[in-house]
Protein backbone atom coordinates (compact mmCIF):
# COMPACT_ATOMS: atom_id res chain seq x y z
CA MET A 1 20.47 -18.16 -1.63
CA PRO A 2 17.78 -19.77 -3.80
CA VAL A 3 16.11 -16.41 -4.33
CA VAL A 4 19.25 -15.04 -5.89
CA GLY A 5 19.35 -17.94 -8.38
CA ASP A 6 15.62 -17.46 -9.14
CA LEU A 7 16.11 -13.79 -9.75
CA ARG A 8 19.00 -14.53 -12.12
CA VAL A 9 16.78 -16.85 -14.11
CA LEU A 10 14.06 -14.29 -14.49
CA LEU A 11 16.42 -11.53 -15.28
CA ARG A 12 17.63 -13.37 -18.33
CA LEU A 13 14.24 -12.66 -19.76
CA SER A 14 14.58 -9.21 -21.39
CA ASP A 15 10.83 -8.54 -21.46
CA PHE A 16 10.56 -9.33 -17.72
CA ARG A 17 13.43 -7.02 -16.99
CA ARG A 18 11.71 -4.16 -18.77
CA LEU A 19 8.44 -4.74 -17.05
CA LEU A 20 10.20 -5.01 -13.74
CA ALA A 21 11.89 -1.70 -14.31
CA VAL A 22 8.55 -0.01 -14.89
CA ARG A 23 7.22 -1.53 -11.70
CA LEU A 24 10.22 -0.53 -9.58
CA LEU A 25 10.23 3.04 -10.70
CA SER A 26 6.46 3.36 -10.47
CA GLN A 27 6.11 1.86 -7.00
CA CYS A 28 9.13 3.74 -5.74
CA ALA A 29 7.38 6.90 -6.77
CA ASP A 30 4.23 5.62 -5.04
CA GLY A 31 6.26 5.20 -1.79
CA VAL A 32 7.66 8.74 -2.03
CA TYR A 33 4.21 10.29 -2.78
CA GLN A 34 2.32 8.36 -0.13
CA VAL A 35 4.84 9.18 2.64
CA ALA A 36 4.77 12.83 1.56
CA LEU A 37 0.95 12.82 1.96
CA ALA A 38 1.10 10.97 5.26
CA THR A 39 3.66 13.33 6.83
CA TYR A 40 1.82 16.35 5.57
CA VAL A 41 -1.50 15.12 6.99
CA VAL A 42 -0.30 13.52 10.20
CA PHE A 43 3.07 14.93 11.20
CA SER A 44 2.76 18.51 10.33
CA PRO A 45 3.25 20.54 13.54
CA GLU A 46 0.02 22.53 12.97
CA LYS A 47 -2.11 19.38 12.62
CA GLN A 48 -3.26 17.28 15.60
CA ALA A 49 -4.01 13.96 13.89
CA SER A 50 -6.53 11.44 15.47
CA PRO A 51 -7.53 7.94 14.29
CA ALA A 52 -10.70 9.45 12.86
CA ALA A 53 -8.77 11.99 10.86
CA ILE A 54 -6.45 9.34 9.53
CA ALA A 55 -9.39 7.16 8.56
CA ALA A 56 -11.05 10.08 6.84
CA ALA A 57 -7.88 10.82 4.85
CA MET A 58 -7.58 7.20 3.81
CA ALA A 59 -11.20 7.15 2.75
CA VAL A 60 -10.78 10.25 0.63
CA LEU A 61 -7.70 8.98 -1.06
CA LEU A 62 -8.66 5.28 -1.59
CA LEU A 63 -12.38 4.55 -1.37
CA PRO A 64 -14.01 6.52 -4.23
CA TYR A 65 -11.74 5.06 -6.99
CA SER A 66 -11.58 1.67 -5.29
CA LEU A 67 -15.37 1.41 -5.67
CA ILE A 68 -15.04 2.05 -9.44
CA GLY A 69 -12.02 -0.29 -9.76
CA PRO A 70 -13.94 -2.93 -11.80
CA PHE A 71 -14.80 -0.27 -14.37
CA ALA A 72 -11.06 0.48 -14.70
CA GLY A 73 -10.56 -3.12 -15.39
CA VAL A 74 -13.00 -3.17 -18.23
CA LEU A 75 -10.95 -0.43 -19.85
CA LEU A 76 -7.73 -2.07 -19.00
CA ASP A 77 -8.81 -5.23 -20.93
CA ARG A 78 -9.34 -2.94 -23.99
CA TRP A 79 -6.38 -0.67 -23.79
CA GLN A 80 -2.87 -1.69 -24.59
CA ARG A 81 -1.23 -2.17 -21.20
CA ARG A 82 2.09 -0.68 -22.28
CA GLN A 83 0.26 2.49 -23.23
CA VAL A 84 -1.43 2.54 -19.84
CA PHE A 85 1.94 2.51 -18.15
CA LEU A 86 3.30 5.25 -20.44
CA HIS A 87 0.35 7.67 -20.37
CA GLY A 88 -0.62 6.79 -16.74
CA ASN A 89 2.78 7.64 -15.31
CA LEU A 90 3.12 10.81 -17.42
CA LEU A 91 -0.22 11.97 -16.09
CA ARG A 92 0.75 11.12 -12.52
CA ALA A 93 3.93 13.13 -12.88
CA LEU A 94 1.97 16.15 -13.91
CA LEU A 95 -0.61 15.75 -11.16
CA ALA A 96 2.08 15.25 -8.50
CA CYS A 97 3.56 18.63 -9.57
CA GLY A 98 0.16 20.11 -9.00
CA THR A 99 0.05 18.60 -5.56
CA ALA A 100 3.38 20.15 -4.71
CA VAL A 101 2.01 23.56 -5.73
CA LEU A 102 -1.01 23.09 -3.51
CA ILE A 103 1.10 22.15 -0.48
CA LEU A 104 2.96 25.46 -0.79
CA ALA A 105 -0.11 27.55 -1.50
CA PRO A 106 -2.75 28.49 1.08
CA VAL A 107 -5.61 26.48 -0.34
CA PRO A 108 -8.56 24.57 1.28
CA ASP A 109 -7.89 21.01 2.35
CA TRP A 110 -10.47 19.64 -0.05
CA LEU A 111 -8.43 20.93 -3.03
CA PHE A 112 -5.29 19.25 -1.77
CA TYR A 113 -7.21 15.95 -1.32
CA ALA A 114 -8.78 16.21 -4.76
CA SER A 115 -5.27 16.52 -6.32
CA ALA A 116 -4.02 13.49 -4.29
CA LEU A 117 -7.20 11.54 -5.29
CA ALA A 118 -6.45 12.11 -8.99
CA VAL A 119 -3.02 10.56 -8.52
CA THR A 120 -4.30 7.51 -6.74
CA ALA A 121 -7.05 7.13 -9.40
CA VAL A 122 -4.44 6.46 -12.10
CA ASN A 123 -2.68 4.20 -9.69
CA ARG A 124 -5.67 1.76 -10.04
CA PHE A 125 -4.86 1.26 -13.70
CA VAL A 126 -1.12 0.93 -13.31
CA LEU A 127 -1.04 -1.58 -10.48
CA ALA A 128 -3.73 -3.78 -12.00
CA GLY A 129 -1.98 -3.66 -15.38
CA LEU A 130 1.34 -4.67 -13.85
CA SER A 131 -0.15 -7.85 -12.40
CA ALA A 132 -2.20 -8.61 -15.53
CA SER A 133 0.89 -8.22 -17.71
CA LEU A 134 3.13 -10.60 -15.89
CA PRO A 135 1.96 -13.78 -17.59
CA ARG A 136 2.74 -12.16 -20.96
CA VAL A 137 6.51 -11.91 -20.16
CA VAL A 138 6.98 -15.14 -18.09
CA ASP A 139 6.19 -18.77 -19.01
CA PRO A 140 3.72 -20.68 -16.79
CA ASP A 141 6.44 -22.74 -15.13
CA ARG A 142 8.10 -19.59 -13.70
CA LEU A 143 4.93 -17.85 -12.75
CA VAL A 144 5.05 -18.63 -9.01
CA MET A 145 8.64 -17.53 -8.90
CA ALA A 146 7.86 -14.34 -10.83
CA ASN A 147 4.92 -13.59 -8.45
CA SER A 148 7.13 -14.04 -5.47
CA LEU A 149 9.86 -11.73 -6.77
CA SER A 150 8.16 -9.09 -8.96
CA PRO A 151 5.39 -7.71 -6.72
CA THR A 152 7.62 -8.11 -3.69
CA ALA A 153 10.39 -6.18 -5.50
CA GLY A 154 7.79 -3.52 -6.17
CA THR A 155 6.76 -3.36 -2.57
CA LEU A 156 10.42 -3.08 -1.50
CA ALA A 157 10.84 -0.32 -4.10
CA ALA A 158 7.85 1.43 -2.47
CA THR A 159 9.59 0.98 0.87
CA VAL A 160 12.85 2.44 -0.49
CA GLY A 161 10.81 5.38 -1.87
CA GLY A 162 9.22 5.86 1.51
CA GLY A 163 12.64 5.72 3.12
CA LEU A 164 13.86 8.42 0.66
CA ALA A 165 10.86 10.57 1.55
CA PHE A 166 11.40 10.12 5.31
CA GLY A 167 15.10 11.01 4.85
CA VAL A 168 14.35 14.25 3.02
CA ARG A 169 11.61 15.13 5.47
CA LEU A 170 13.93 14.56 8.48
CA VAL A 171 16.79 16.47 7.02
CA ALA A 172 14.80 19.46 5.83
CA ALA A 173 11.81 20.53 7.91
CA ASP A 174 8.62 21.53 6.03
CA SER A 175 9.86 19.88 2.80
CA ASP A 176 6.73 18.01 1.82
CA ALA A 177 6.57 19.88 -1.57
CA ALA A 178 10.13 18.90 -2.43
CA VAL A 179 9.30 15.22 -1.60
CA VAL A 180 6.27 15.24 -3.88
CA LEU A 181 8.39 16.59 -6.69
CA LEU A 182 10.82 13.76 -6.16
CA GLY A 183 7.91 11.40 -6.68
CA ALA A 184 6.94 13.25 -9.84
CA ALA A 185 10.41 12.73 -11.28
CA LEU A 186 10.25 9.02 -10.57
CA TYR A 187 6.81 8.79 -12.26
CA LEU A 188 8.44 10.40 -15.31
CA CYS A 189 11.24 7.84 -15.28
CA SER A 190 8.70 5.00 -15.14
CA ALA A 191 6.94 6.41 -18.13
CA LEU A 192 10.21 6.50 -20.11
CA ALA A 193 11.03 2.95 -18.99
CA ALA A 194 7.78 1.77 -20.55
CA LEU A 195 8.91 3.01 -23.98
CA ARG A 196 11.55 0.24 -23.94
CA MET A 197 8.82 -2.38 -24.56
CA ASP A 198 6.99 -3.05 -27.75
CA ARG A 199 3.59 -1.45 -27.82
CA ALA A 200 1.73 -4.78 -28.32
CA LEU A 201 3.90 -6.90 -26.00
CA LEU A 202 1.75 -6.82 -22.83
CA GLY A 203 -1.60 -7.40 -24.54
CA PRO A 204 -4.43 -7.79 -24.67
CA ASP A 205 -4.27 -9.30 -28.13
CA PRO A 206 -5.14 -7.04 -31.01
CA ASP A 207 -8.46 -8.69 -31.78
CA GLN A 208 -9.55 -8.00 -28.17
CA VAL A 209 -8.56 -4.36 -28.13
CA GLN A 210 -11.19 -1.65 -28.57
CA PRO A 211 -9.23 1.56 -29.35
CA ARG A 212 -12.40 3.69 -29.32
CA LEU A 213 -13.04 5.04 -25.81
CA GLY A 214 -16.76 5.39 -26.39
CA ALA A 215 -17.12 1.67 -27.34
CA ALA A 216 -15.18 0.66 -24.30
CA LEU A 217 -17.28 2.84 -21.91
CA ALA A 218 -20.52 1.55 -23.53
CA SER A 219 -19.52 -2.02 -22.69
CA THR A 220 -18.47 -1.26 -19.13
CA ALA A 221 -21.56 -2.62 -17.39
CA ARG A 222 -21.66 -5.81 -19.53
CA GLY A 223 -17.91 -6.35 -19.06
CA LEU A 224 -18.19 -5.99 -15.36
CA LEU A 225 -20.88 -8.59 -15.10
CA GLU A 226 -18.85 -10.94 -17.31
CA GLY A 227 -15.86 -10.39 -15.03
CA LEU A 228 -17.91 -11.18 -11.95
CA ARG A 229 -19.45 -14.25 -13.54
CA HIS A 230 -16.08 -15.44 -14.67
CA LEU A 231 -14.75 -15.10 -11.15
CA ALA A 232 -17.74 -16.82 -9.60
CA MET A 233 -16.99 -19.85 -11.77
CA ARG A 234 -13.37 -19.96 -10.47
CA ARG A 235 -13.89 -21.01 -6.85
CA GLN A 236 -10.14 -21.15 -6.12
CA ALA A 237 -9.56 -17.54 -7.35
CA ALA A 238 -12.64 -16.30 -5.37
CA GLY A 239 -11.50 -18.00 -2.19
CA ALA A 240 -7.94 -16.72 -2.49
CA LEU A 241 -9.33 -13.20 -2.95
CA ALA A 242 -11.51 -13.51 0.07
CA ALA A 243 -8.65 -14.61 2.28
CA MET A 244 -6.38 -11.86 1.04
CA THR A 245 -9.11 -9.20 1.72
CA VAL A 246 -9.36 -10.28 5.31
CA LEU A 247 -5.60 -10.21 5.77
CA ARG A 248 -5.45 -6.77 4.17
CA PHE A 249 -8.07 -5.60 6.66
CA CYS A 250 -5.89 -6.83 9.51
CA TYR A 251 -2.85 -5.12 8.03
CA GLY A 252 -4.78 -1.77 7.71
CA ALA A 253 -6.04 -1.85 11.28
CA LEU A 254 -2.62 -2.51 12.73
CA THR A 255 -1.05 0.10 10.49
CA VAL A 256 -3.28 2.84 11.94
CA MET A 257 -2.44 1.59 15.46
CA VAL A 258 1.32 1.72 14.83
CA LEU A 259 0.97 5.11 13.28
CA MET A 260 -0.80 6.52 16.42
CA LEU A 261 1.71 4.76 18.72
CA CYS A 262 4.67 6.41 16.83
CA ARG A 263 2.87 9.79 16.85
CA TYR A 264 1.81 9.96 20.53
CA ALA A 265 2.93 6.95 22.72
CA TRP A 266 6.61 6.52 21.74
CA SER A 267 7.72 10.00 20.96
CA VAL A 268 7.65 13.58 22.28
CA THR A 269 8.10 15.50 19.07
CA GLU A 270 6.77 15.13 15.52
CA ARG A 271 10.36 14.53 14.27
CA GLU A 272 10.84 11.63 16.70
CA GLY A 273 7.51 10.13 15.72
CA LEU A 274 8.29 10.40 12.03
CA ALA A 275 11.65 8.62 12.57
CA LEU A 276 9.93 5.78 14.43
CA LEU A 277 7.32 5.40 11.74
CA GLY A 278 10.06 5.19 9.14
CA LEU A 279 11.75 2.51 11.21
CA ALA A 280 8.47 0.56 11.35
CA VAL A 281 7.88 0.85 7.62
CA GLY A 282 11.49 -0.41 6.96
CA VAL A 283 11.05 -3.42 9.29
CA SER A 284 7.77 -4.32 7.62
CA GLY A 285 9.45 -3.99 4.28
CA ALA A 286 12.08 -6.50 5.45
CA GLY A 287 9.23 -8.85 6.16
CA PHE A 288 8.10 -8.38 2.47
CA PHE A 289 11.60 -9.41 1.31
CA ALA A 290 11.61 -12.48 3.63
CA ALA A 291 8.25 -13.46 2.03
CA ALA A 292 9.88 -13.35 -1.42
CA VAL A 293 12.57 -15.72 -0.22
CA ILE A 294 10.30 -18.20 1.62
CA ALA A 295 7.04 -18.15 -0.32
CA PRO A 296 8.14 -20.22 -3.35
CA TRP A 297 9.33 -22.96 -1.03
CA GLY A 298 6.19 -22.74 1.02
CA VAL A 299 3.81 -22.76 -1.94
CA GLY A 300 5.75 -25.73 -3.43
CA ARG A 301 5.59 -27.67 -0.23
CA LEU A 302 2.14 -26.83 1.09
CA GLY A 303 0.23 -25.71 -2.06
CA PRO A 304 -1.00 -22.11 -2.34
CA PHE A 305 -3.88 -22.47 0.01
CA GLY A 306 -1.94 -24.49 2.58
CA TRP A 307 0.70 -21.77 2.50
CA MET A 308 -1.89 -18.99 2.94
CA ALA A 309 -3.31 -20.91 5.90
CA ALA A 310 0.14 -21.20 7.46
CA CYS A 311 0.68 -17.45 7.07
CA ALA A 312 -2.63 -16.62 8.68
CA ALA A 313 -2.07 -19.03 11.53
CA SER A 314 1.35 -17.60 12.22
CA ALA A 315 -0.01 -14.09 12.34
CA ALA A 316 -2.85 -15.20 14.71
CA VAL A 317 -0.39 -16.56 17.17
CA LEU A 318 2.52 -14.11 16.96
CA GLY A 319 0.48 -10.89 16.50
CA PRO A 320 -0.99 -10.63 19.97
CA ALA A 321 2.01 -12.18 21.62
CA LEU A 322 4.23 -9.44 20.25
CA GLY A 323 1.69 -6.55 19.99
CA LEU A 324 -0.15 -6.58 23.36
CA PRO A 325 2.80 -5.17 25.38
CA PHE A 326 2.58 -2.00 23.22
CA THR A 327 6.32 -1.48 23.47
CA LEU A 328 8.64 -0.50 20.64
CA VAL A 329 10.85 -3.56 20.00
CA PRO A 330 8.13 -6.23 20.18
CA THR A 331 5.85 -4.14 18.02
CA LEU A 332 8.68 -3.80 15.41
CA VAL A 333 9.07 -7.65 15.41
CA ALA A 334 5.32 -7.87 14.90
CA ALA A 335 5.56 -5.45 11.99
CA PHE A 336 8.14 -7.81 10.42
CA VAL A 337 5.90 -10.88 11.03
CA LEU A 338 2.87 -9.05 9.61
CA GLY A 339 4.80 -7.94 6.47
CA LEU A 340 6.04 -11.51 5.90
CA THR A 341 2.56 -13.17 6.33
CA THR A 342 0.65 -10.60 4.42
CA GLN A 343 3.04 -10.43 1.47
CA GLY A 344 3.40 -14.28 1.46
CA THR A 345 -0.37 -14.57 1.22
CA LYS A 346 -0.39 -11.98 -1.59
CA ILE A 347 2.20 -13.95 -3.58
CA ALA A 348 0.13 -17.11 -3.43
CA THR A 349 -3.09 -15.15 -4.22
CA ASP A 350 -1.56 -13.50 -7.25
CA THR A 351 -0.52 -16.95 -8.63
CA VAL A 352 -3.92 -18.47 -7.98
CA VAL A 353 -5.69 -15.66 -9.69
CA GLN A 354 -3.36 -15.58 -12.67
CA THR A 355 -3.54 -19.34 -13.23
CA ALA A 356 -7.26 -19.68 -12.70
CA VAL A 357 -8.53 -16.59 -14.69
CA ASP A 358 -8.55 -16.34 -18.45
CA ASP A 359 -6.28 -13.66 -19.97
CA ALA A 360 -9.19 -11.98 -21.65
CA CYS A 361 -10.74 -11.33 -18.19
CA ARG A 362 -7.55 -10.93 -16.16
CA GLY A 363 -7.48 -7.15 -16.10
CA ARG A 364 -11.07 -7.00 -14.79
CA VAL A 365 -10.34 -9.59 -12.08
CA PHE A 366 -7.18 -7.81 -10.99
CA SER A 367 -9.09 -4.45 -10.82
CA LEU A 368 -11.61 -6.24 -8.60
CA TYR A 369 -8.64 -7.48 -6.57
CA ASP A 370 -7.31 -4.00 -6.24
CA MET A 371 -10.74 -2.72 -5.20
CA LEU A 372 -11.02 -5.30 -2.48
CA PHE A 373 -7.48 -4.44 -1.30
CA ASN A 374 -8.28 -0.78 -0.80
CA VAL A 375 -11.82 -1.11 0.54
CA ALA A 376 -10.49 -3.57 3.18
CA PHE A 377 -7.83 -1.08 4.11
CA VAL A 378 -10.19 1.84 4.38
CA GLY A 379 -12.71 -0.31 6.31
CA ALA A 380 -9.93 -1.33 8.72
CA ALA A 381 -9.02 2.36 9.28
CA GLY A 382 -12.63 3.14 10.06
CA VAL A 383 -12.83 0.29 12.60
CA ALA A 384 -9.56 1.39 14.10
CA ALA A 385 -10.86 4.91 14.46
CA LEU A 386 -13.73 3.55 16.54
CA MET A 387 -11.58 1.34 18.76
CA LEU A 388 -8.27 3.23 19.22
CA PRO A 389 -7.66 5.61 22.07
CA PRO A 390 -5.64 8.76 21.41
CA ASP A 391 -2.28 7.15 22.22
CA GLY A 392 -3.01 4.07 20.00
CA ARG A 393 -3.00 1.38 22.79
CA SER A 394 -5.95 -0.92 22.17
CA ALA A 395 -5.90 -4.53 23.29
CA PRO A 396 -9.37 -5.21 21.84
CA LEU A 397 -8.11 -4.23 18.34
CA VAL A 398 -5.10 -6.56 18.59
CA VAL A 399 -7.34 -9.49 19.75
CA MET A 400 -9.86 -8.78 16.98
CA VAL A 401 -7.13 -8.87 14.36
CA ALA A 402 -5.79 -12.13 15.78
CA LEU A 403 -9.31 -13.70 15.61
CA CYS A 404 -9.57 -12.63 11.93
CA HIS A 405 -6.24 -14.23 11.11
CA ALA A 406 -7.32 -17.43 12.95
CA ALA A 407 -10.65 -17.58 11.05
CA VAL A 408 -8.80 -17.29 7.69
CA ALA A 409 -6.38 -20.09 8.69
CA VAL A 410 -9.21 -22.42 9.72
CA GLY A 411 -11.32 -21.57 6.69
CA LEU A 412 -8.55 -22.24 4.20
CA SER A 413 -7.43 -25.42 6.06
CA ARG A 414 -10.96 -26.91 5.96
CA GLY A 415 -12.26 -25.63 2.61
CA MET A 416 -9.36 -25.23 0.22
CA GLY A 417 -6.08 -26.27 1.85
CA SER A 418 -5.67 -29.43 -0.30
CA ARG A 419 -6.66 -27.84 -3.69
CA ARG A 420 -4.01 -26.84 -6.09
CA PRO A 421 -4.85 -24.60 -9.21
């Protein structure tokens, strides 16, 4: 398989291997932690989840820190990225332990959400830093290859982490606290893995670093405007981010729908629903892996924007064809297709942004990218809450998502399909 050969080429690069280890451990921990929260909020026997409750939980966990994502980017372009991975993962390990204690203790829901919110806040820095660091360990000729394998490997690691969490939860009832502690242990391992890299390896360059926190915070507003101005002058990067935001919205809306189908339409008990959700997550993860195999070929043959248009068009056609029956097997196939097309678009978007944006502004732009990612997902959950019935079957939602995919495909084909960064 070509992907195996590509991976071998990249793994010969020692710095890439070390950065990949940090990513895999960190995102595996993310998968464990997120599934622990989802099962606690949605599948606990004493809770009767609704689309509105799920949307509220997503908003609490993602939206506040997504809105300040650009400010995180300003700091990320001033702090050494290796130190962000080290201290960020150590802090998340500590905070996750606090979340486990709150799950066991009879505390108000807002305190539990505040703890979870703190973990996801640090995640803004780590994920943006991982993407911004990749060009520092891979030469430009291998950047598309690295973007197809590294973030996808991270997504697969998150899927594996989610699978571990599902397994622990299914084997031992009411084990959400133990699952969260597993995530804390993986965050600690990721922090230790960061120590294998030189402190200055991942940049930014020493003359660009402001070690004084006060100086960095004082320049936040100016840095944000500079990052937005820089992105506005890079039409290709801005167009790719817009397309990815719409596809992320589609993914979020259908995720809430599948969650409700697993919880109420396809199962009788919470345990059965949890097992079906784990299966859907695994199938979608297989789609992410397929994207890693196919995307380098697709980008090379069609160009990044032509490839993104092809992904969106495929989702527009296959999504409603497979999703409208609202039965298990076709919906699982649709989850695979959606995983492939969404991750395939992300691979191309990462490459466009990394090649079109200057290194000095890359952290800010990737923080904006991260903000758009999460705001789109939360917005999709809110729309789904308005459209979904209690059992999750909503033909209007499926059709709306298909129209969004089609609009992206047409827009990219007409406006940017022939452009290459």
